[in-house]
Amino acid sequence: MKREFNKSFVTWLEDIWEEIEIQFYGIIGAVFFFILLYFVFQPSWMNPLIDFFQY
């Protein structure tokens, strides 16, 4: 019983870690997408954000 509990706990922990990893990659991908969007098109609605980081 003890070994079965440890095995299910490790499986549960790996599933949680996988979900965290997916969220992290999604956030990083979104940030890179908006950086690429700015460098390619330089939309005017992003100017306040760029000004915030420049000063």
C-alpha atoms as a PDB file:
ATOM      1  CA  MET A   1       0.000   0.000   0.000  1.00  0.00           C
ATOM      2  CA  LYS A   2       2.789   2.389   0.902  1.00  0.00           C
ATOM      3  CA  ARG A   3       4.571   1.876  -2.434  1.00  0.00           C
ATOM      4  CA  GLU A   4       1.337   2.358  -4.370  1.00  0.00           C
ATOM      5  CA  PHE A   5       0.706   5.653  -2.552  1.00  0.00           C
ATOM      6  CA  ASN A   6       4.210   6.946  -3.409  1.00  0.00           C
ATOM      7  CA  LYS A   7       3.795   5.978  -7.047  1.00  0.00           C
ATOM      8  CA  SER A   8       0.487   7.828  -7.364  1.00  0.00           C
ATOM      9  CA  PHE A   9       1.898  10.868  -5.548  1.00  0.00           C
ATOM     10  CA  VAL A  10       4.885  11.040  -7.908  1.00  0.00           C
ATOM     11  CA  THR A  11       2.552  10.723 -10.901  1.00  0.00           C
ATOM     12  CA  TRP A  12       0.358  13.521  -9.497  1.00  0.00           C
ATOM     13  CA  LEU A  13       3.426  15.698  -8.888  1.00  0.00           C
ATOM     14  CA  GLU A  14       4.678  15.135 -12.445  1.00  0.00           C
ATOM     15  CA  ASP A  15       1.264  16.092 -13.846  1.00  0.00           C
ATOM     16  CA  ILE A  16       1.223  19.314 -11.828  1.00  0.00           C
ATOM     17  CA  TRP A  17       4.768  20.169 -12.948  1.00  0.00           C
ATOM     18  CA  GLU A  18       3.818  19.525 -16.587  1.00  0.00           C
ATOM     19  CA  GLU A  19       0.889  21.953 -16.325  1.00  0.00           C
ATOM     20  CA  ILE A  20       3.135  24.625 -14.785  1.00  0.00           C
ATOM     21  CA  GLU A  21       5.645  24.107 -17.585  1.00  0.00           C
ATOM     22  CA  ILE A  22       2.947  24.486 -20.250  1.00  0.00           C
ATOM     23  CA  GLN A  23       1.746  27.747 -18.674  1.00  0.00           C
ATOM     24  CA  PHE A  24       5.305  29.074 -18.485  1.00  0.00           C
ATOM     25  CA  TYR A  25       5.960  28.333 -22.154  1.00  0.00           C
ATOM     26  CA  GLY A  26       2.642  29.942 -23.079  1.00  0.00           C
ATOM     27  CA  ILE A  27       3.490  33.162 -21.253  1.00  0.00           C
ATOM     28  CA  ILE A  28       6.986  33.311 -22.766  1.00  0.00           C
ATOM     29  CA  GLY A  29       5.523  32.662 -26.218  1.00  0.00           C
ATOM     30  CA  ALA A  30       2.991  35.478 -25.796  1.00  0.00           C
ATOM     31  CA  VAL A  31       5.704  37.921 -24.710  1.00  0.00           C
ATOM     32  CA  PHE A  32       7.866  37.027 -27.706  1.00  0.00           C
ATOM     33  CA  PHE A  33       4.851  37.347 -29.997  1.00  0.00           C
ATOM     34  CA  PHE A  34       4.145  40.917 -28.866  1.00  0.00           C
ATOM     35  CA  ILE A  35       7.823  41.852 -29.092  1.00  0.00           C
ATOM     36  CA  LEU A  36       7.912  40.513 -32.645  1.00  0.00           C
ATOM     37  CA  LEU A  37       4.644  42.318 -33.417  1.00  0.00           C
ATOM     38  CA  TYR A  38       6.157  45.587 -32.208  1.00  0.00           C
ATOM     39  CA  PHE A  39       9.392  45.218 -34.182  1.00  0.00           C
ATOM     40  CA  VAL A  40       7.608  44.277 -37.415  1.00  0.00           C
ATOM     41  CA  PHE A  41       4.632  46.655 -37.399  1.00  0.00           C
ATOM     42  CA  GLN A  42       5.362  49.205 -34.612  1.00  0.00           C
ATOM     43  CA  PRO A  43       1.667  49.821 -33.861  1.00  0.00           C
ATOM     44  CA  SER A  44       0.761  53.105 -32.217  1.00  0.00           C
ATOM     45  CA  TRP A  45      -1.253  51.422 -29.452  1.00  0.00           C
ATOM     46  CA  MET A  46       1.983  49.956 -28.048  1.00  0.00           C
ATOM     47  CA  ASN A  47       3.783  53.313 -27.765  1.00  0.00           C
ATOM     48  CA  PRO A  48       2.729  53.964 -24.132  1.00  0.00           C
ATOM     49  CA  LEU A  49       4.121  50.590 -23.089  1.00  0.00           C
ATOM     50  CA  ILE A  50       7.392  51.156 -24.920  1.00  0.00           C
ATOM     51  CA  ASP A  51       7.696  54.637 -23.426  1.00  0.00           C
ATOM     52  CA  PHE A  52       7.125  53.129 -19.964  1.00  0.00           C
ATOM     53  CA  PHE A  53      10.068  50.751 -20.371  1.00  0.00           C
ATOM     54  CA  GLN A  54      12.378  53.317 -21.967  1.00  0.00           C
ATOM     55  CA  TYR A  55      12.215  55.839 -19.117  1.00  0.00           C
END
